[in-house]
Amino acid sequence: MPSIFAYQSSEVDWCESNFQHSEQVAEFYNTFSNVTFFIFGPLMMFLMHPYTQKRSRYIYSVSVLFMVVGLFSMYFHMTLSFLGQLLDEISILWLLASGYSIWMPRCYFPTFLGENRPQFVCLVVVTTLVSTFLSFLKPTVNAYALNSIAVHILYIVFQEYKKTSNKELRHLIEVSVVLWAFALTSWISDRFLCSFWQQINFFYLHSIWHVLISITFPYGMVTMALVDARYEMPDQTLKVRYWPRDTWPVGLPYIEIIGDHKNC
């Protein structure tokens, strides 16, 4: 049995041909397309700093974990090792769990927890720890854990979309879902239609997935922050801005806190 550190010890192998551009890098484009994680992660930490100071400094951990996902994804695609696969999947699991703990509206907590966020966070952490442990025993567990969290987050987002009349929030939800759908389509196409893409010599769909999901991250982050603000920051006025300029047709969203409006 090969070492978990060994090159190509993972059963997962993406459509891109291996070792075409380097003897050290198994999937060249899939490896270096992760550079977008190291661009958008720090940028969102900087742009969301005023909001983070008001809401919770734990939000920094979301951007840090996003960069960790990029790092482990780069390691996995460089080596196609079993360890790389596990680290990649587990880092995604913890990224979703961190956002889940911070931004999940209290009204969606399990009934037996009421609206007690500390207890909810403990439940999420314990569940994530158990899933992490099980992933080493049965790696397929993580796929189900990731999908179940993602589906539940989408459910929450759609529920909030139906409730809100906030045009900014509705726009962010729409863009986030469209970007996520394009990203998921790229992932699925590369995974299950590889023979077709090989026939036309196009091996870049998983790389496109990396870029698209990196762009989806800022939109999803700001979307969840706005949803959360309705429950956790009712006395604050939040405005969505776009970097580098609001007037540009394309930009990264972030939140600006306009001021306090206290109830008498």
Foldseek 3Di string as FASTA:
>chain_A
DDDLLAFQQAPDDWLAQAQPPHPQFTHVLQQVLLVLLVVLLVVQCVQAVVVCVVQHVLVNVLSVLSNQLSVLSNVCRRRVGNVSVLSNLLSLLVSLLSLCLRQPQQVPQPPVCRSDSVVSNVVSVVVSVVLSVVCVVPVVSSVVSNVVSVVVVLVVLVVVLVVDPPPVLVVLSVVLVVLVVQLVVLVCCRRPVSVVCVVVVHRCSSSVSSVSVSLSVLSVSQNSVVVRCVRRVVQWDKDWAFPPHNPDPDGGIYIDTDDGHDDD
